[in-house]
PDB file of N, CA and C in Angstrom:
ATOM      1  N   UNK A   1     155.110 -14.124 -94.167  1.00  0.00           N
ATOM      2  CA  UNK A   1     153.767 -13.707 -93.002  1.00  0.00           C
ATOM      3  C   UNK A   1     154.075 -12.836 -92.660  1.00  0.00           C
ATOM      4  N   UNK A   2     153.005 -11.868 -92.468  1.00  0.00           N
ATOM      5  CA  UNK A   2     153.588 -10.440 -91.691  1.00  0.00           C
ATOM      6  C   UNK A   2     152.312 -10.508 -90.575  1.00  0.00           C
ATOM      7  N   UNK A   3     153.396  -9.659 -89.653  1.00  0.00           N
ATOM      8  CA  UNK A   3     152.997  -9.701 -88.367  1.00  0.00           C
ATOM      9  C   UNK A   3     151.518  -8.841 -88.234  1.00  0.00           C
ATOM     10  N   UNK A   4     150.543  -9.515 -87.176  1.00  0.00           N
ATOM     11  CA  UNK A   4     149.537  -8.807 -86.481  1.00  0.00           C
ATOM     12  C   UNK A   4     149.448  -7.175 -86.723  1.00  0.00           C
ATOM     13  N   UNK A   5     148.441  -6.493 -86.911  1.00  0.00           N
ATOM     14  CA  UNK A   5     147.836  -5.485 -86.812  1.00  0.00           C
ATOM     15  C   UNK A   5     147.718  -4.519 -85.405  1.00  0.00           C
ATOM     16  N   UNK A   6     147.884  -5.299 -84.795  1.00  0.00           N
ATOM     17  CA  UNK A   6     147.339  -5.087 -83.025  1.00  0.00           C
ATOM     18  C   UNK A   6     146.676  -4.479 -83.121  1.00  0.00           C
ATOM     19  N   UNK A   7     145.623  -4.727 -81.726  1.00  0.00           N
ATOM     20  CA  UNK A   7     144.593  -4.156 -81.509  1.00  0.00           C
ATOM     21  C   UNK A   7     144.687  -3.096 -80.597  1.00  0.00           C
ATOM     22  N   UNK A   8     144.453  -2.084 -80.322  1.00  0.00           N
ATOM     23  CA  UNK A   8     144.268  -0.576 -79.815  1.00  0.00           C
ATOM     24  C   UNK A   8     144.252  -1.123 -78.026  1.00  0.00           C
ATOM     25  N   UNK A   9     145.139  -0.949 -77.522  1.00  0.00           N
ATOM     26  CA  UNK A   9     145.254  -1.347 -75.787  1.00  0.00           C
ATOM     27  C   UNK A   9     145.537  -0.144 -75.046  1.00  0.00           C
ATOM     28  N   UNK A  10     144.876  -0.301 -73.659  1.00  0.00           N
ATOM     29  CA  UNK A  10     145.217   1.047 -72.881  1.00  0.00           C
ATOM     30  C   UNK A  10     146.988   0.477 -71.960  1.00  0.00           C
ATOM     31  N   UNK A  11     147.533   1.456 -71.615  1.00  0.00           N
ATOM     32  CA  UNK A  11     148.716   1.191 -70.781  1.00  0.00           C
ATOM     33  C   UNK A  11     148.496   0.323 -69.466  1.00  0.00           C
ATOM     34  N   UNK A  12     147.122   0.764 -69.072  1.00  0.00           N
ATOM     35  CA  UNK A  12     146.495  -0.142 -67.930  1.00  0.00           C
ATOM     36  C   UNK A  12     146.358  -1.471 -68.018  1.00  0.00           C
ATOM     37  N   UNK A  13     145.594  -2.151 -69.125  1.00  0.00           N
ATOM     38  CA  UNK A  13     145.289  -2.951 -69.577  1.00  0.00           C
ATOM     39  C   UNK A  13     146.880  -4.167 -70.202  1.00  0.00           C
ATOM     40  N   UNK A  14     147.801  -3.412 -70.465  1.00  0.00           N
ATOM     41  CA  UNK A  14     149.037  -4.027 -71.134  1.00  0.00           C
ATOM     42  C   UNK A  14     149.703  -4.091 -69.290  1.00  0.00           C
ATOM     43  N   UNK A  15     150.117  -3.232 -68.566  1.00  0.00           N
ATOM     44  CA  UNK A  15     150.901  -3.246 -67.525  1.00  0.00           C
ATOM     45  C   UNK A  15     150.276  -4.245 -65.830  1.00  0.00           C
ATOM     46  N   UNK A  16     148.488  -4.569 -66.203  1.00  0.00           N
ATOM     47  CA  UNK A  16     147.733  -5.517 -65.298  1.00  0.00           C
ATOM     48  C   UNK A  16     147.962  -6.821 -65.634  1.00  0.00           C
ATOM     49  N   UNK A  17     148.815  -6.693 -66.873  1.00  0.00           N
ATOM     50  CA  UNK A  17     148.873  -8.414 -66.914  1.00  0.00           C
ATOM     51  C   UNK A  17     147.991  -8.871 -68.037  1.00  0.00           C
ATOM     52  N   UNK A  18     146.481  -7.932 -68.381  1.00  0.00           N
ATOM     53  CA  UNK A  18     145.859  -8.658 -69.442  1.00  0.00           C
ATOM     54  C   UNK A  18     146.033  -9.335 -70.805  1.00  0.00           C
ATOM     55  N   UNK A  19     147.019  -8.843 -71.249  1.00  0.00           N
ATOM     56  CA  UNK A  19     147.979  -9.212 -72.452  1.00  0.00           C
ATOM     57  C   UNK A  19     148.417 -10.288 -72.339  1.00  0.00           C
ATOM     58  N   UNK A  20     148.519 -11.161 -73.445  1.00  0.00           N
ATOM     59  CA  UNK A  20     149.050 -12.418 -73.372  1.00  0.00           C
ATOM     60  C   UNK A  20     150.639 -11.633 -74.041  1.00  0.00           C
ATOM     61  N   UNK A  21     151.640 -12.462 -73.573  1.00  0.00           N
ATOM     62  CA  UNK A  21     152.725 -12.338 -74.111  1.00  0.00           C
ATOM     63  C   UNK A  21     152.743 -12.685 -75.714  1.00  0.00           C
ATOM     64  N   UNK A  22     153.350 -12.122 -76.665  1.00  0.00           N
ATOM     65  CA  UNK A  22     153.267 -12.170 -78.337  1.00  0.00           C
ATOM     66  C   UNK A  22     152.513 -11.608 -78.816  1.00  0.00           C
ATOM     67  N   UNK A  23     151.503 -11.311 -77.855  1.00  0.00           N
ATOM     68  CA  UNK A  23     150.448 -10.479 -78.525  1.00  0.00           C
ATOM     69  C   UNK A  23     150.698  -9.095 -79.471  1.00  0.00           C
ATOM     70  N   UNK A  24     150.510  -8.678 -80.454  1.00  0.00           N
ATOM     71  CA  UNK A  24     150.272  -7.502 -80.764  1.00  0.00           C
ATOM     72  C   UNK A  24     149.450  -6.515 -80.705  1.00  0.00           C
ATOM     73  N   UNK A  25     150.166  -5.343 -80.294  1.00  0.00           N
ATOM     74  CA  UNK A  25     149.381  -4.143 -79.375  1.00  0.00           C
ATOM     75  C   UNK A  25     149.618  -3.056 -80.378  1.00  0.00           C
ATOM     76  N   UNK A  26     148.476  -1.741 -80.021  1.00  0.00           N
ATOM     77  CA  UNK A  26     148.725  -0.449 -80.207  1.00  0.00           C
ATOM     78  C   UNK A  26     148.758   0.061 -78.995  1.00  0.00           C
ATOM     79  N   UNK A  27     149.283   1.067 -79.022  1.00  0.00           N
ATOM     80  CA  UNK A  27     149.132   1.778 -77.684  1.00  0.00           C
ATOM     81  C   UNK A  27     149.698   3.046 -77.729  1.00  0.00           C
ATOM     82  N   UNK A  28     149.294   4.084 -76.321  1.00  0.00           N
ATOM     83  CA  UNK A  28     150.090   5.249 -76.417  1.00  0.00           C
ATOM     84  C   UNK A  28     150.327   5.946 -75.170  1.00  0.00           C
ATOM     85  N   UNK A  29     151.329   7.054 -75.044  1.00  0.00           N
ATOM     86  CA  UNK A  29     151.771   7.049 -73.539  1.00  0.00           C
ATOM     87  C   UNK A  29     152.227   8.471 -73.578  1.00  0.00           C
ATOM     88  N   UNK A  30     152.686   8.890 -72.750  1.00  0.00           N
ATOM     89  CA  UNK A  30     154.172   9.999 -72.519  1.00  0.00           C
ATOM     90  C   UNK A  30     155.162   9.685 -72.737  1.00  0.00           C
ATOM     91  N   UNK A  31     155.692   9.575 -73.069  1.00  0.00           N
ATOM     92  CA  UNK A  31     157.277   9.075 -73.066  1.00  0.00           C
ATOM     93  C   UNK A  31     158.229  10.054 -71.452  1.00  0.00           C
ATOM     94  N   UNK A  32     157.947   9.091 -70.497  1.00  0.00           N
ATOM     95  CA  UNK A  32     158.590   9.467 -69.511  1.00  0.00           C
ATOM     96  C   UNK A  32     160.109   9.413 -69.081  1.00  0.00           C
ATOM     97  N   UNK A  33     160.670   8.551 -69.972  1.00  0.00           N
ATOM     98  CA  UNK A  33     162.450   8.487 -69.415  1.00  0.00           C
ATOM     99  C   UNK A  33     163.126   7.616 -70.892  1.00  0.00           C
ATOM    100  N   UNK A  34     164.226   7.660 -71.141  1.00  0.00           N
ATOM    101  CA  UNK A  34     164.638   7.138 -72.567  1.00  0.00           C
ATOM    102  C   UNK A  34     166.466   6.750 -72.072  1.00  0.00           C
ATOM    103  N   UNK A  35     166.449   5.637 -71.629  1.00  0.00           N
ATOM    104  CA  UNK A  35     168.053   5.279 -71.998  1.00  0.00           C
ATOM    105  C   UNK A  35     168.800   4.713 -72.761  1.00  0.00           C
ATOM    106  N   UNK A  36     169.742   5.774 -73.852  1.00  0.00           N
ATOM    107  CA  UNK A  36     170.229   5.411 -74.466  1.00  0.00           C
ATOM    108  C   UNK A  36     170.952   4.078 -74.747  1.00  0.00           C
ATOM    109  N   UNK A  37     172.152   4.027 -73.755  1.00  0.00           N
ATOM    110  CA  UNK A  37     172.879   3.265 -73.628  1.00  0.00           C
ATOM    111  C   UNK A  37     172.210   1.562 -73.140  1.00  0.00           C
ATOM    112  N   UNK A  38     170.840   1.575 -72.852  1.00  0.00           N
ATOM    113  CA  UNK A  38     170.160   0.146 -72.444  1.00  0.00           C
ATOM    114  C   UNK A  38     169.201   0.132 -73.478  1.00  0.00           C
ATOM    115  N   UNK A  39     169.397   1.133 -74.764  1.00  0.00           N
ATOM    116  CA  UNK A  39     168.218   0.659 -75.609  1.00  0.00           C
ATOM    117  C   UNK A  39     166.720   0.651 -74.644  1.00  0.00           C
ATOM    118  N   UNK A  40     166.590   1.371 -73.661  1.00  0.00           N
ATOM    119  CA  UNK A  40     165.442   0.997 -72.943  1.00  0.00           C
ATOM    120  C   UNK A  40     164.443   2.697 -72.905  1.00  0.00           C
ATOM    121  N   UNK A  41     163.209   2.598 -72.879  1.00  0.00           N
ATOM    122  CA  UNK A  41     162.211   3.613 -72.670  1.00  0.00           C
ATOM    123  C   UNK A  41     161.077   3.239 -71.666  1.00  0.00           C
ATOM    124  N   UNK A  42     160.403   4.553 -71.676  1.00  0.00           N
ATOM    125  CA  UNK A  42     159.222   4.113 -70.515  1.00  0.00           C
ATOM    126  C   UNK A  42     158.251   4.876 -71.226  1.00  0.00           C
ATOM    127  N   UNK A  43     156.767   3.975 -71.137  1.00  0.00           N
ATOM    128  CA  UNK A  43     155.623   5.481 -71.196  1.00  0.00           C
ATOM    129  C   UNK A  43     154.550   4.940 -70.293  1.00  0.00           C
ATOM    130  N   UNK A  44     154.080   6.562 -69.619  1.00  0.00           N
ATOM    131  CA  UNK A  44     153.438   6.813 -69.269  1.00  0.00           C
ATOM    132  C   UNK A  44     152.340   6.996 -69.039  1.00  0.00           C
ATOM    133  N   UNK A  45     150.503   6.792 -69.066  1.00  0.00           N
ATOM    134  CA  UNK A  45     149.349   7.198 -69.112  1.00  0.00           C
ATOM    135  C   UNK A  45     148.696   6.751 -67.731  1.00  0.00           C
ATOM    136  N   UNK A  46     147.665   8.291 -67.684  1.00  0.00           N
ATOM    137  CA  UNK A  46     146.678   7.942 -66.537  1.00  0.00           C
ATOM    138  C   UNK A  46     145.675   7.516 -66.698  1.00  0.00           C
ATOM    139  N   UNK A  47     145.013   7.025 -65.554  1.00  0.00           N
ATOM    140  CA  UNK A  47     143.590   6.383 -65.431  1.00  0.00           C
ATOM    141  C   UNK A  47     143.052   6.761 -64.462  1.00  0.00           C
ATOM    142  N   UNK A  48     142.544   7.910 -64.398  1.00  0.00           N
ATOM    143  CA  UNK A  48     141.535   8.796 -63.231  1.00  0.00           C
ATOM    144  C   UNK A  48     142.594   8.837 -62.741  1.00  0.00           C
ATOM    145  N   UNK A  49     142.801   8.540 -61.548  1.00  0.00           N
ATOM    146  CA  UNK A  49     143.886   8.953 -60.613  1.00  0.00           C
ATOM    147  C   UNK A  49     145.661   8.096 -60.407  1.00  0.00           C
ATOM    148  N   UNK A  50     145.324   6.959 -61.074  1.00  0.00           N
ATOM    149  CA  UNK A  50     146.626   6.287 -61.191  1.00  0.00           C
ATOM    150  C   UNK A  50     147.260   6.463 -62.460  1.00  0.00           C
ATOM    151  N   UNK A  51     148.343   6.572 -62.405  1.00  0.00           N
ATOM    152  CA  UNK A  51     149.579   6.655 -63.262  1.00  0.00           C
ATOM    153  C   UNK A  51     150.223   5.065 -63.282  1.00  0.00           C
ATOM    154  N   UNK A  52     149.762   4.979 -65.007  1.00  0.00           N
ATOM    155  CA  UNK A  52     150.467   3.653 -65.333  1.00  0.00           C
ATOM    156  C   UNK A  52     151.565   3.299 -66.371  1.00  0.00           C
ATOM    157  N   UNK A  53     152.721   2.473 -65.726  1.00  0.00           N
ATOM    158  CA  UNK A  53     154.033   2.424 -66.832  1.00  0.00           C
ATOM    159  C   UNK A  53     153.798   1.031 -67.245  1.00  0.00           C
ATOM    160  N   UNK A  54     154.758   1.751 -68.772  1.00  0.00           N
ATOM    161  CA  UNK A  54     154.726  -0.150 -69.271  1.00  0.00           C
ATOM    162  C   UNK A  54     156.816   0.186 -69.795  1.00  0.00           C
ATOM    163  N   UNK A  55     157.114  -0.596 -70.042  1.00  0.00           N
ATOM    164  CA  UNK A  55     158.916  -0.448 -70.579  1.00  0.00           C
ATOM    165  C   UNK A  55     158.725  -0.486 -71.786  1.00  0.00           C
ATOM    166  N   UNK A  56     159.600  -0.037 -72.390  1.00  0.00           N
ATOM    167  CA  UNK A  56     159.641  -0.321 -73.929  1.00  0.00           C
ATOM    168  C   UNK A  56     161.134  -0.680 -74.163  1.00  0.00           C
ATOM    169  N   UNK A  57     161.150  -1.830 -75.060  1.00  0.00           N
ATOM    170  CA  UNK A  57     162.730  -2.144 -75.521  1.00  0.00           C
ATOM    171  C   UNK A  57     162.658  -1.341 -76.400  1.00  0.00           C
ATOM    172  N   UNK A  58     163.888   0.079 -77.298  1.00  0.00           N
ATOM    173  CA  UNK A  58     163.661   0.329 -78.547  1.00  0.00           C
ATOM    174  C   UNK A  58     164.848  -0.265 -79.238  1.00  0.00           C
ATOM    175  N   UNK A  59     165.369  -1.384 -79.352  1.00  0.00           N
ATOM    176  CA  UNK A  59     166.747  -2.059 -79.624  1.00  0.00           C
ATOM    177  C   UNK A  59     166.038  -1.848 -81.258  1.00  0.00           C
ATOM    178  N   UNK A  60     165.094  -1.944 -81.856  1.00  0.00           N
ATOM    179  CA  UNK A  60     164.303  -2.665 -83.166  1.00  0.00           C
ATOM    180  C   UNK A  60     163.845  -0.800 -83.952  1.00  0.00           C
ATOM    181  N   UNK A  61     163.712   0.331 -83.125  1.00  0.00           N
ATOM    182  CA  UNK A  61     163.337   1.426 -83.698  1.00  0.00           C
ATOM    183  C   UNK A  61     164.665   2.529 -83.505  1.00  0.00           C
ATOM    184  N   UNK A  62     165.274   1.706 -83.117  1.00  0.00           N
ATOM    185  CA  UNK A  62     166.578   3.063 -83.188  1.00  0.00           C
ATOM    186  C   UNK A  62     167.548   3.534 -84.564  1.00  0.00           C
ATOM    187  N   UNK A  63     168.294   4.268 -84.454  1.00  0.00           N
ATOM    188  CA  UNK A  63     168.313   5.433 -84.086  1.00  0.00           C
ATOM    189  C   UNK A  63     166.692   6.286 -83.713  1.00  0.00           C
ATOM    190  N   UNK A  64     166.703   6.227 -82.276  1.00  0.00           N
ATOM    191  CA  UNK A  64     165.504   6.650 -82.052  1.00  0.00           C
ATOM    192  C   UNK A  64     165.602   8.365 -81.455  1.00  0.00           C
ATOM    193  N   UNK A  65     165.181   9.272 -82.088  1.00  0.00           N
ATOM    194  CA  UNK A  65     165.016  10.784 -81.646  1.00  0.00           C
ATOM    195  C   UNK A  65     164.289  10.658 -80.740  1.00  0.00           C
ATOM    196  N   UNK A  66     164.579  10.617 -79.398  1.00  0.00           N
ATOM    197  CA  UNK A  66     163.639  10.609 -77.777  1.00  0.00           C
ATOM    198  C   UNK A  66     162.827  12.273 -77.407  1.00  0.00           C
ATOM    199  N   UNK A  67     161.455  11.952 -77.577  1.00  0.00           N
ATOM    200  CA  UNK A  67     161.438  13.382 -76.775  1.00  0.00           C
ATOM    201  C   UNK A  67     161.049  13.460 -75.497  1.00  0.00           C
ATOM    202  N   UNK A  68     161.268  13.466 -74.182  1.00  0.00           N
ATOM    203  CA  UNK A  68     160.888  13.229 -73.387  1.00  0.00           C
ATOM    204  C   UNK A  68     159.651  14.146 -72.728  1.00  0.00           C
ATOM    205  N   UNK A  69     158.833  13.458 -72.340  1.00  0.00           N
ATOM    206  CA  UNK A  69     157.543  14.325 -72.114  1.00  0.00           C
ATOM    207  C   UNK A  69     156.739  14.543 -73.324  1.00  0.00           C
ATOM    208  N   UNK A  70     156.908  13.768 -74.413  1.00  0.00           N
ATOM    209  CA  UNK A  70     156.056  14.097 -75.830  1.00  0.00           C
ATOM    210  C   UNK A  70     155.482  12.902 -75.317  1.00  0.00           C
ATOM    211  N   UNK A  71     154.188  12.805 -76.613  1.00  0.00           N
ATOM    212  CA  UNK A  71     153.051  11.723 -76.637  1.00  0.00           C
ATOM    213  C   UNK A  71     153.812  10.809 -77.649  1.00  0.00           C
ATOM    214  N   UNK A  72     153.535   9.530 -77.424  1.00  0.00           N
ATOM    215  CA  UNK A  72     153.887   8.451 -78.335  1.00  0.00           C
ATOM    216  C   UNK A  72     152.975   7.368 -78.583  1.00  0.00           C
ATOM    217  N   UNK A  73     152.799   7.105 -79.778  1.00  0.00           N
ATOM    218  CA  UNK A  73     151.973   6.061 -80.637  1.00  0.00           C
ATOM    219  C   UNK A  73     152.936   4.428 -80.705  1.00  0.00           C
ATOM    220  N   UNK A  74     152.301   3.309 -80.042  1.00  0.00           N
ATOM    221  CA  UNK A  74     153.462   2.039 -80.424  1.00  0.00           C
ATOM    222  C   UNK A  74     152.988   1.503 -80.839  1.00  0.00           C
ATOM    223  N   UNK A  75     152.903   0.789 -82.348  1.00  0.00           N
ATOM    224  CA  UNK A  75     153.031  -0.568 -82.497  1.00  0.00           C
ATOM    225  C   UNK A  75     153.560  -1.814 -82.293  1.00  0.00           C
ATOM    226  N   UNK A  76     153.491  -2.714 -81.729  1.00  0.00           N
ATOM    227  CA  UNK A  76     154.503  -3.943 -81.450  1.00  0.00           C
ATOM    228  C   UNK A  76     153.902  -4.855 -80.466  1.00  0.00           C
ATOM    229  N   UNK A  77     154.932  -5.982 -79.973  1.00  0.00           N
ATOM    230  CA  UNK A  77     154.327  -7.363 -79.514  1.00  0.00           C
ATOM    231  C   UNK A  77     155.029  -7.046 -77.909  1.00  0.00           C
ATOM    232  N   UNK A  78     153.964  -8.276 -77.442  1.00  0.00           N
ATOM    233  CA  UNK A  78     154.320  -7.728 -75.995  1.00  0.00           C
ATOM    234  C   UNK A  78     155.233  -8.987 -75.214  1.00  0.00           C
ATOM    235  N   UNK A  79     156.769  -8.571 -74.574  1.00  0.00           N
ATOM    236  CA  UNK A  79     156.797 -10.141 -73.878  1.00  0.00           C
ATOM    237  C   UNK A  79     157.268  -9.999 -72.653  1.00  0.00           C
ATOM    238  N   UNK A  80     157.110 -10.743 -71.890  1.00  0.00           N
ATOM    239  CA  UNK A  80     158.012 -10.605 -70.669  1.00  0.00           C
ATOM    240  C   UNK A  80     159.072 -11.040 -70.160  1.00  0.00           C
ATOM    241  N   UNK A  81     159.562  -9.700 -68.807  1.00  0.00           N
ATOM    242  CA  UNK A  81     160.653  -9.847 -68.923  1.00  0.00           C
ATOM    243  C   UNK A  81     161.182 -10.674 -67.523  1.00  0.00           C
ATOM    244  N   UNK A  82     162.543 -10.675 -66.617  1.00  0.00           N
ATOM    245  CA  UNK A  82     162.812 -12.259 -66.140  1.00  0.00           C
ATOM    246  C   UNK A  82     161.751 -12.269 -64.944  1.00  0.00           C
ATOM    247  N   UNK A  83     161.461 -10.694 -64.578  1.00  0.00           N
ATOM    248  CA  UNK A  83     160.269 -10.332 -63.235  1.00  0.00           C
ATOM    249  C   UNK A  83     158.757 -10.633 -63.601  1.00  0.00           C
ATOM    250  N   UNK A  84     158.234 -11.150 -64.737  1.00  0.00           N
ATOM    251  CA  UNK A  84     157.341 -11.237 -65.239  1.00  0.00           C
ATOM    252  C   UNK A  84     156.629  -9.707 -65.502  1.00  0.00           C
ATOM    253  N   UNK A  85     157.591  -8.658 -65.375  1.00  0.00           N
ATOM    254  CA  UNK A  85     157.275  -7.566 -66.109  1.00  0.00           C
ATOM    255  C   UNK A  85     156.544  -7.312 -67.856  1.00  0.00           C
ATOM    256  N   UNK A  86     155.641  -6.785 -67.522  1.00  0.00           N
ATOM    257  CA  UNK A  86     155.489  -6.734 -69.493  1.00  0.00           C
ATOM    258  C   UNK A  86     156.232  -5.737 -70.193  1.00  0.00           C
ATOM    259  N   UNK A  87     157.003  -6.183 -71.421  1.00  0.00           N
ATOM    260  CA  UNK A  87     157.964  -5.278 -71.793  1.00  0.00           C
ATOM    261  C   UNK A  87     157.455  -4.995 -73.532  1.00  0.00           C
ATOM    262  N   UNK A  88     157.040  -3.672 -74.119  1.00  0.00           N
ATOM    263  CA  UNK A  88     156.623  -3.952 -75.327  1.00  0.00           C
ATOM    264  C   UNK A  88     157.880  -3.720 -76.340  1.00  0.00           C
ATOM    265  N   UNK A  89     157.957  -4.306 -77.522  1.00  0.00           N
ATOM    266  CA  UNK A  89     158.929  -4.446 -78.615  1.00  0.00           C
ATOM    267  C   UNK A  89     158.517  -4.157 -79.838  1.00  0.00           C
ATOM    268  N   UNK A  90     158.529  -2.320 -79.728  1.00  0.00           N
ATOM    269  CA  UNK A  90     157.607  -1.507 -80.817  1.00  0.00           C
ATOM    270  C   UNK A  90     159.101  -2.178 -82.127  1.00  0.00           C
ATOM    271  N   UNK A  91     157.849  -2.374 -83.103  1.00  0.00           N
ATOM    272  CA  UNK A  91     157.970  -2.361 -84.567  1.00  0.00           C
ATOM    273  C   UNK A  91     157.954  -0.885 -85.068  1.00  0.00           C
ATOM    274  N   UNK A  92     156.615   0.058 -84.545  1.00  0.00           N
ATOM    275  CA  UNK A  92     156.877   1.485 -85.216  1.00  0.00           C
ATOM    276  C   UNK A  92     156.600   2.138 -83.417  1.00  0.00           C
ATOM    277  N   UNK A  93     157.326   2.899 -83.326  1.00  0.00           N
ATOM    278  CA  UNK A  93     157.468   4.177 -82.046  1.00  0.00           C
ATOM    279  C   UNK A  93     157.134   5.729 -82.779  1.00  0.00           C
ATOM    280  N   UNK A  94     156.048   6.201 -82.788  1.00  0.00           N
ATOM    281  CA  UNK A  94     155.740   7.304 -83.541  1.00  0.00           C
ATOM    282  C   UNK A  94     155.569   8.561 -82.493  1.00  0.00           C
ATOM    283  N   UNK A  95     156.231   9.972 -82.678  1.00  0.00           N
ATOM    284  CA  UNK A  95     155.921  11.117 -81.639  1.00  0.00           C
ATOM    285  C   UNK A  95     154.325  11.719 -81.788  1.00  0.00           C
ATOM    286  N   UNK A  96     153.189  11.755 -81.319  1.00  0.00           N
ATOM    287  CA  UNK A  96     152.084  12.238 -81.762  1.00  0.00           C
ATOM    288  C   UNK A  96     151.560  13.470 -80.848  1.00  0.00           C
ATOM    289  N   UNK A  97     152.339  14.380 -80.462  1.00  0.00           N
ATOM    290  CA  UNK A  97     152.090  15.426 -80.081  1.00  0.00           C
ATOM    291  C   UNK A  97     151.188  16.103 -80.549  1.00  0.00           C
ATOM    292  N   UNK A  98     150.260  16.629 -79.427  1.00  0.00           N
ATOM    293  CA  UNK A  98     149.009  17.206 -80.417  1.00  0.00           C
ATOM    294  C   UNK A  98     147.463  16.704 -80.594  1.00  0.00           C
ATOM    295  N   UNK A  99     147.855  15.368 -80.153  1.00  0.00           N
ATOM    296  CA  UNK A  99     147.079  14.656 -80.595  1.00  0.00           C
ATOM    297  C   UNK A  99     145.640  14.565 -79.369  1.00  0.00           C
ATOM    298  N   UNK A 100     144.328  14.536 -79.628  1.00  0.00           N
ATOM    299  CA  UNK A 100     143.468  14.773 -78.721  1.00  0.00           C
ATOM    300  C   UNK A 100     143.185  13.348 -78.440  1.00  0.00           C
ATOM    301  N   UNK A 101     143.747  13.239 -76.654  1.00  0.00           N
ATOM    302  CA  UNK A 101     143.786  12.091 -75.970  1.00  0.00           C
ATOM    303  C   UNK A 101     142.341  11.851 -75.401  1.00  0.00           C
ATOM    304  N   UNK A 102     141.818  12.340 -75.450  1.00  0.00           N
ATOM    305  CA  UNK A 102     140.008  12.214 -75.227  1.00  0.00           C
ATOM    306  C   UNK A 102     139.366  11.877 -75.991  1.00  0.00           C
ATOM    307  N   UNK A 103     139.537  12.639 -76.915  1.00  0.00           N
ATOM    308  CA  UNK A 103     138.902  12.196 -78.572  1.00  0.00           C
ATOM    309  C   UNK A 103     139.530  10.186 -78.431  1.00  0.00           C
ATOM    310  N   UNK A 104     140.812  10.428 -78.722  1.00  0.00           N
ATOM    311  CA  UNK A 104     141.307   8.960 -78.992  1.00  0.00           C
ATOM    312  C   UNK A 104     140.936   7.790 -78.469  1.00  0.00           C
ATOM    313  N   UNK A 105     141.079   7.832 -77.032  1.00  0.00           N
ATOM    314  CA  UNK A 105     140.024   6.913 -75.932  1.00  0.00           C
ATOM    315  C   UNK A 105     139.071   6.832 -75.883  1.00  0.00           C
ATOM    316  N   UNK A 106     138.068   7.663 -76.442  1.00  0.00           N
ATOM    317  CA  UNK A 106     136.658   7.508 -76.882  1.00  0.00           C
ATOM    318  C   UNK A 106     136.191   6.988 -78.484  1.00  0.00           C
ATOM    319  N   UNK A 107     137.337   7.368 -79.337  1.00  0.00           N
ATOM    320  CA  UNK A 107     137.376   6.238 -80.021  1.00  0.00           C
ATOM    321  C   UNK A 107     137.835   4.560 -80.244  1.00  0.00           C
ATOM    322  N   UNK A 108     138.430   4.546 -79.685  1.00  0.00           N
ATOM    323  CA  UNK A 108     138.747   3.312 -79.096  1.00  0.00           C
ATOM    324  C   UNK A 108     137.830   2.543 -78.372  1.00  0.00           C
ATOM    325  N   UNK A 109     137.100   2.852 -77.510  1.00  0.00           N
ATOM    326  CA  UNK A 109     136.020   2.383 -76.858  1.00  0.00           C
ATOM    327  C   UNK A 109     134.910   2.011 -77.636  1.00  0.00           C
ATOM    328  N   UNK A 110     135.102   3.200 -78.217  1.00  0.00           N
ATOM    329  CA  UNK A 110     133.492   2.895 -79.677  1.00  0.00           C
ATOM    330  C   UNK A 110     134.177   1.950 -80.683  1.00  0.00           C
ATOM    331  N   UNK A 111     135.050   1.668 -81.106  1.00  0.00           N
ATOM    332  CA  UNK A 111     135.527   0.639 -81.953  1.00  0.00           C
ATOM    333  C   UNK A 111     135.507  -0.509 -81.282  1.00  0.00           C
ATOM    334  N   UNK A 112     135.726  -0.621 -80.303  1.00  0.00           N
ATOM    335  CA  UNK A 112     135.521  -1.977 -79.190  1.00  0.00           C
ATOM    336  C   UNK A 112     134.102  -2.706 -79.474  1.00  0.00           C
ATOM    337  N   UNK A 113     133.192  -1.301 -79.243  1.00  0.00           N
ATOM    338  CA  UNK A 113     131.458  -1.822 -78.767  1.00  0.00           C
ATOM    339  C   UNK A 113     131.247  -2.226 -80.209  1.00  0.00           C
ATOM    340  N   UNK A 114     132.014  -1.217 -81.533  1.00  0.00           N
ATOM    341  CA  UNK A 114     131.482  -1.937 -82.907  1.00  0.00           C
ATOM    342  C   UNK A 114     131.688  -3.762 -83.214  1.00  0.00           C
ATOM    343  N   UNK A 115     133.219  -3.622 -82.502  1.00  0.00           N
ATOM    344  CA  UNK A 115     133.932  -4.897 -82.604  1.00  0.00           C
ATOM    345  C   UNK A 115     133.083  -6.286 -82.016  1.00  0.00           C
ATOM    346  N   UNK A 116     132.406  -6.000 -80.605  1.00  0.00           N
ATOM    347  CA  UNK A 116     131.969  -7.060 -80.042  1.00  0.00           C
ATOM    348  C   UNK A 116     130.527  -6.927 -81.080  1.00  0.00           C
ATOM    349  N   UNK A 117     129.983  -6.229 -81.165  1.00  0.00           N
ATOM    350  CA  UNK A 117     128.558  -6.385 -81.690  1.00  0.00           C
ATOM    351  C   UNK A 117     128.413  -7.168 -82.981  1.00  0.00           C
ATOM    352  N   UNK A 118     129.521  -7.050 -83.876  1.00  0.00           N
ATOM    353  CA  UNK A 118     130.077  -7.950 -85.092  1.00  0.00           C
ATOM    354  C   UNK A 118     130.038  -9.007 -84.619  1.00  0.00           C
ATOM    355  N   UNK A 119     130.797  -9.306 -83.657  1.00  0.00           N
ATOM    356  CA  UNK A 119     130.857 -10.838 -83.074  1.00  0.00           C
ATOM    357  C   UNK A 119     129.756 -11.933 -82.838  1.00  0.00           C
ATOM    358  N   UNK A 120     128.519 -11.039 -82.605  1.00  0.00           N
ATOM    359  CA  UNK A 120     127.190 -11.844 -81.544  1.00  0.00           C
ATOM    360  C   UNK A 120     126.000 -11.411 -83.114  1.00  0.00           C
ATOM    361  N   UNK A 121     126.825 -10.825 -83.784  1.00  0.00           N
ATOM    362  CA  UNK A 121     125.466 -11.706 -85.334  1.00  0.00           C
ATOM    363  C   UNK A 121     125.663 -12.840 -85.640  1.00  0.00           C
ATOM    364  N   UNK A 122     124.692 -13.104 -85.964  1.00  0.00           N
ATOM    365  CA  UNK A 122     124.530 -14.772 -86.491  1.00  0.00           C
ATOM    366  C   UNK A 122     124.949 -14.998 -87.640  1.00  0.00           C
TER     367      UNK A 122
END
């Protein structure tokens, strides 16, 4: 059986605990750090004045040519660490430098509105 395609989720939705463990997600953010020896990275994203972070396990996407400071898009599953902190285990981790971030966020909101309107149909 194939894994789920993953719905777009913003980093602040994941870091706040709104996403269930095991759920497939697509998300994006700026790579702020990468520790090759521990196979861990961190994505960050701004929501207004607040910077949100999420830890990423890079074990399944290595060798990983990290470009700290670049924008990345990830597709994978959420798991909780010992402290209950969400950790993303990506199947795909792609550098998307040059992406029009405001336009992508707008597209995610529009997609959600469309999918909600379809669910309300009889």
